[in-house]
Amino acid sequence: MKKLFLAALFVMTMLGSFAQQQTNKTAEPAKHRVVLHMTSSDTLVWKSLMNNIKNLKAGWGDSVNIEVVTHGPGIEMLIAAKTTQQKLITKYKEMGIVFMGCENTLREKKIPRESLVAEAGTVPMGIGEIILKEEQGWSYLKIGF
């Protein structure tokens, strides 16, 4: 009788484990979170950034969250009068990509907030935003030099 009880307990434990595995397989896929760091005023680097975004979205679709943080010379990518990427910024913003400019850079370069493309937000410190994202578990990619 004792052996039968232990065998039944073992089978129940295995069935419970199997059911848990099946539940985990049907759960929503884990979100990838990537913060892209742009510090270059080179338009070829901007193009490379946009290609990276395109590839991440093509590969992972809605399971990836992307934030672009610009500061220093990279802020120019978000200045309406200077950017060569307006169409893609608009397209990617509609797809949920977040574009942020550094308020310290704006202040230092005497660039009014209104000069940025409408799709861009701002953060107090570009590098501080990146650190916060990393502390929250976001992956970090530096774009360009």
C-alpha atoms as a PDB file:
ATOM      1  CA  MET A   1       0.000   0.000   0.000  1.00  0.00           C
ATOM      2  CA  LYS A   2       2.826   2.365   0.893  1.00  0.00           C
ATOM      3  CA  LYS A   3       4.504   1.716  -2.488  1.00  0.00           C
ATOM      4  CA  LEU A   4       1.254   2.425  -4.313  1.00  0.00           C
ATOM      5  CA  PHE A   5       0.850   5.684  -2.397  1.00  0.00           C
ATOM      6  CA  LEU A   6       4.412   6.799  -3.258  1.00  0.00           C
ATOM      7  CA  ALA A   7       3.919   5.879  -6.928  1.00  0.00           C
ATOM      8  CA  ALA A   8       0.686   7.904  -7.056  1.00  0.00           C
ATOM      9  CA  LEU A   9       2.403  10.855  -5.360  1.00  0.00           C
ATOM     10  CA  PHE A  10       5.244  10.689  -7.897  1.00  0.00           C
ATOM     11  CA  VAL A  11       2.813  10.638 -10.852  1.00  0.00           C
ATOM     12  CA  MET A  12       0.845  13.582  -9.440  1.00  0.00           C
ATOM     13  CA  THR A  13       4.055  15.580  -8.945  1.00  0.00           C
ATOM     14  CA  MET A  14       5.150  14.877 -12.521  1.00  0.00           C
ATOM     15  CA  LEU A  15       1.740  15.843 -13.923  1.00  0.00           C
ATOM     16  CA  GLY A  16       1.823  19.098 -11.941  1.00  0.00           C
ATOM     17  CA  SER A  17       5.280  19.880 -13.271  1.00  0.00           C
ATOM     18  CA  PHE A  18       4.166  19.146 -16.843  1.00  0.00           C
ATOM     19  CA  ALA A  19       1.090  21.370 -16.455  1.00  0.00           C
ATOM     20  CA  GLN A  20       3.258  24.217 -15.150  1.00  0.00           C
ATOM     21  CA  GLN A  21       5.600  23.906 -18.148  1.00  0.00           C
ATOM     22  CA  GLN A  22       2.639  24.058 -20.547  1.00  0.00           C
ATOM     23  CA  THR A  23       1.295  27.165 -18.798  1.00  0.00           C
ATOM     24  CA  ASN A  24       4.698  28.869 -19.121  1.00  0.00           C
ATOM     25  CA  LYS A  25       4.818  28.083 -22.844  1.00  0.00           C
ATOM     26  CA  THR A  26       1.520  29.862 -23.469  1.00  0.00           C
ATOM     27  CA  ALA A  27       2.440  32.929 -21.420  1.00  0.00           C
ATOM     28  CA  GLU A  28       3.240  36.154 -23.236  1.00  0.00           C
ATOM     29  CA  PRO A  29       6.853  36.256 -24.484  1.00  0.00           C
ATOM     30  CA  ALA A  30       9.335  38.228 -22.410  1.00  0.00           C
ATOM     31  CA  LYS A  31       9.844  41.801 -23.525  1.00  0.00           C
ATOM     32  CA  HIS A  32      13.250  42.844 -24.765  1.00  0.00           C
ATOM     33  CA  ARG A  33      14.159  46.366 -23.702  1.00  0.00           C
ATOM     34  CA  VAL A  34      16.921  48.239 -25.482  1.00  0.00           C
ATOM     35  CA  VAL A  35      18.239  51.749 -24.930  1.00  0.00           C
ATOM     36  CA  LEU A  36      20.208  53.106 -27.903  1.00  0.00           C
ATOM     37  CA  HIS A  37      22.768  55.812 -27.119  1.00  0.00           C
ATOM     38  CA  MET A  38      23.341  58.409 -29.882  1.00  0.00           C
ATOM     39  CA  THR A  39      26.139  60.960 -29.487  1.00  0.00           C
ATOM     40  CA  SER A  40      27.122  61.525 -33.118  1.00  0.00           C
ATOM     41  CA  SER A  41      26.161  64.326 -35.510  1.00  0.00           C
ATOM     42  CA  ASP A  42      27.214  62.133 -38.473  1.00  0.00           C
ATOM     43  CA  THR A  43      24.207  61.458 -40.710  1.00  0.00           C
ATOM     44  CA  LEU A  44      25.633  58.051 -41.701  1.00  0.00           C
ATOM     45  CA  VAL A  45      25.593  57.064 -38.028  1.00  0.00           C
ATOM     46  CA  TRP A  46      21.971  58.231 -37.824  1.00  0.00           C
ATOM     47  CA  LYS A  47      21.165  56.000 -40.800  1.00  0.00           C
ATOM     48  CA  SER A  48      22.873  53.086 -39.038  1.00  0.00           C
ATOM     49  CA  LEU A  49      20.757  53.721 -35.928  1.00  0.00           C
ATOM     50  CA  MET A  50      17.575  53.631 -37.999  1.00  0.00           C
ATOM     51  CA  ASN A  51      18.690  50.357 -39.615  1.00  0.00           C
ATOM     52  CA  ASN A  52      19.292  48.862 -36.164  1.00  0.00           C
ATOM     53  CA  ILE A  53      15.780  49.884 -35.111  1.00  0.00           C
ATOM     54  CA  LYS A  54      14.297  48.412 -38.307  1.00  0.00           C
ATOM     55  CA  ASN A  55      16.121  45.112 -37.722  1.00  0.00           C
ATOM     56  CA  LEU A  56      15.134  44.884 -34.057  1.00  0.00           C
ATOM     57  CA  LYS A  57      11.469  45.490 -34.897  1.00  0.00           C
ATOM     58  CA  ALA A  58      11.583  43.051 -37.831  1.00  0.00           C
ATOM     59  CA  GLY A  59      13.121  40.354 -35.647  1.00  0.00           C
ATOM     60  CA  TRP A  60      11.191  40.858 -32.420  1.00  0.00           C
ATOM     61  CA  GLY A  61       8.113  42.871 -33.400  1.00  0.00           C
ATOM     62  CA  ASP A  62       6.058  43.991 -30.436  1.00  0.00           C
ATOM     63  CA  SER A  63       8.188  42.045 -27.969  1.00  0.00           C
ATOM     64  CA  VAL A  64      10.884  44.753 -28.045  1.00  0.00           C
ATOM     65  CA  ASN A  65      10.779  48.172 -26.399  1.00  0.00           C
ATOM     66  CA  ILE A  66      13.269  50.681 -27.780  1.00  0.00           C
ATOM     67  CA  GLU A  67      14.323  54.084 -26.463  1.00  0.00           C
ATOM     68  CA  VAL A  68      16.818  56.314 -28.287  1.00  0.00           C
ATOM     69  CA  VAL A  69      18.672  58.778 -26.057  1.00  0.00           C
ATOM     70  CA  THR A  70      20.567  61.608 -27.745  1.00  0.00           C
ATOM     71  CA  HIS A  71      22.977  64.061 -26.180  1.00  0.00           C
ATOM     72  CA  GLY A  72      26.038  66.092 -27.119  1.00  0.00           C
ATOM     73  CA  PRO A  73      26.414  66.282 -30.908  1.00  0.00           C
ATOM     74  CA  GLY A  74      23.812  63.502 -31.255  1.00  0.00           C
ATOM     75  CA  ILE A  75      21.057  65.952 -30.299  1.00  0.00           C
ATOM     76  CA  GLU A  76      21.201  67.247 -33.880  1.00  0.00           C
ATOM     77  CA  MET A  77      19.386  64.109 -35.057  1.00  0.00           C
ATOM     78  CA  LEU A  78      16.321  65.403 -33.183  1.00  0.00           C
ATOM     79  CA  ILE A  79      16.572  69.043 -34.313  1.00  0.00           C
ATOM     80  CA  ALA A  80      13.877  69.583 -36.929  1.00  0.00           C
ATOM     81  CA  ALA A  81      16.006  71.923 -39.078  1.00  0.00           C
ATOM     82  CA  LYS A  82      19.029  69.536 -39.099  1.00  0.00           C
ATOM     83  CA  THR A  83      17.736  65.971 -39.096  1.00  0.00           C
ATOM     84  CA  THR A  84      17.855  63.773 -42.182  1.00  0.00           C
ATOM     85  CA  GLN A  85      15.709  61.171 -40.424  1.00  0.00           C
ATOM     86  CA  GLN A  86      12.356  62.922 -39.955  1.00  0.00           C
ATOM     87  CA  LYS A  87      10.301  60.365 -41.914  1.00  0.00           C
ATOM     88  CA  LEU A  88      11.751  57.409 -40.024  1.00  0.00           C
ATOM     89  CA  ILE A  89      11.488  59.164 -36.663  1.00  0.00           C
ATOM     90  CA  THR A  90       7.781  59.715 -37.365  1.00  0.00           C
ATOM     91  CA  LYS A  91       7.287  56.135 -38.574  1.00  0.00           C
ATOM     92  CA  TYR A  92       9.137  54.612 -35.631  1.00  0.00           C
ATOM     93  CA  LYS A  93       7.411  56.856 -33.092  1.00  0.00           C
ATOM     94  CA  GLU A  94       4.089  55.498 -34.432  1.00  0.00           C
ATOM     95  CA  MET A  95       5.484  51.998 -33.794  1.00  0.00           C
ATOM     96  CA  GLY A  96       6.189  52.883 -30.156  1.00  0.00           C
ATOM     97  CA  ILE A  97       9.877  53.801 -30.380  1.00  0.00           C
ATOM     98  CA  VAL A  98      10.761  56.564 -27.893  1.00  0.00           C
ATOM     99  CA  PHE A  99      13.145  59.389 -28.872  1.00  0.00           C
ATOM    100  CA  MET A 100      14.638  61.503 -26.078  1.00  0.00           C
ATOM    101  CA  GLY A 101      16.909  64.528 -26.126  1.00  0.00           C
ATOM    102  CA  CYS A 102      19.090  65.654 -23.237  1.00  0.00           C
ATOM    103  CA  GLU A 103      17.962  68.875 -21.540  1.00  0.00           C
ATOM    104  CA  ASN A 104      21.538  69.529 -20.353  1.00  0.00           C
ATOM    105  CA  THR A 105      22.700  69.493 -23.982  1.00  0.00           C
ATOM    106  CA  LEU A 106      19.854  71.766 -25.056  1.00  0.00           C
ATOM    107  CA  ARG A 107      20.720  74.230 -22.315  1.00  0.00           C
ATOM    108  CA  GLU A 108      24.482  74.072 -22.988  1.00  0.00           C
ATOM    109  CA  LYS A 109      24.030  74.586 -26.746  1.00  0.00           C
ATOM    110  CA  LYS A 110      21.269  77.165 -26.228  1.00  0.00           C
ATOM    111  CA  ILE A 111      18.833  75.149 -28.319  1.00  0.00           C
ATOM    112  CA  PRO A 112      15.174  75.837 -27.546  1.00  0.00           C
ATOM    113  CA  ARG A 113      13.060  72.757 -26.783  1.00  0.00           C
ATOM    114  CA  GLU A 114      10.732  73.830 -29.597  1.00  0.00           C
ATOM    115  CA  SER A 115      13.543  73.203 -32.126  1.00  0.00           C
ATOM    116  CA  LEU A 116      13.249  69.449 -31.610  1.00  0.00           C
ATOM    117  CA  VAL A 117      11.043  67.319 -33.834  1.00  0.00           C
ATOM    118  CA  ALA A 118       7.533  66.956 -32.464  1.00  0.00           C
ATOM    119  CA  GLU A 119       8.073  63.225 -31.853  1.00  0.00           C
ATOM    120  CA  ALA A 120      10.919  63.800 -29.378  1.00  0.00           C
ATOM    121  CA  GLY A 121      10.655  64.065 -25.647  1.00  0.00           C
ATOM    122  CA  THR A 122      13.336  65.246 -23.266  1.00  0.00           C
ATOM    123  CA  VAL A 123      15.106  63.920 -20.196  1.00  0.00           C
ATOM    124  CA  PRO A 124      17.019  65.998 -17.633  1.00  0.00           C
ATOM    125  CA  MET A 125      20.317  64.142 -18.308  1.00  0.00           C
ATOM    126  CA  GLY A 126      20.940  61.932 -21.328  1.00  0.00           C
ATOM    127  CA  ILE A 127      23.569  59.844 -19.595  1.00  0.00           C
ATOM    128  CA  GLY A 128      21.425  59.722 -16.433  1.00  0.00           C
ATOM    129  CA  GLU A 129      18.521  58.311 -18.465  1.00  0.00           C
ATOM    130  CA  ILE A 130      20.791  55.593 -19.836  1.00  0.00           C
ATOM    131  CA  ILE A 131      21.987  54.688 -16.338  1.00  0.00           C
ATOM    132  CA  LEU A 132      18.392  54.501 -15.086  1.00  0.00           C
ATOM    133  CA  LYS A 133      17.447  52.208 -17.965  1.00  0.00           C
ATOM    134  CA  GLU A 134      20.416  49.923 -17.289  1.00  0.00           C
ATOM    135  CA  GLU A 135      19.498  49.770 -13.593  1.00  0.00           C
ATOM    136  CA  GLN A 136      16.022  48.642 -14.693  1.00  0.00           C
ATOM    137  CA  GLY A 137      17.543  45.823 -16.742  1.00  0.00           C
ATOM    138  CA  TRP A 138      17.503  47.412 -20.201  1.00  0.00           C
ATOM    139  CA  SER A 139      20.173  46.351 -22.699  1.00  0.00           C
ATOM    140  CA  TYR A 140      22.520  49.139 -23.780  1.00  0.00           C
ATOM    141  CA  LEU A 141      23.855  49.817 -27.273  1.00  0.00           C
ATOM    142  CA  LYS A 142      26.143  52.708 -28.147  1.00  0.00           C
ATOM    143  CA  ILE A 143      25.635  53.796 -31.739  1.00  0.00           C
ATOM    144  CA  GLY A 144      28.654  55.283 -33.543  1.00  0.00           C
ATOM    145  CA  PHE A 145      31.769  56.620 -31.873  1.00  0.00           C
END
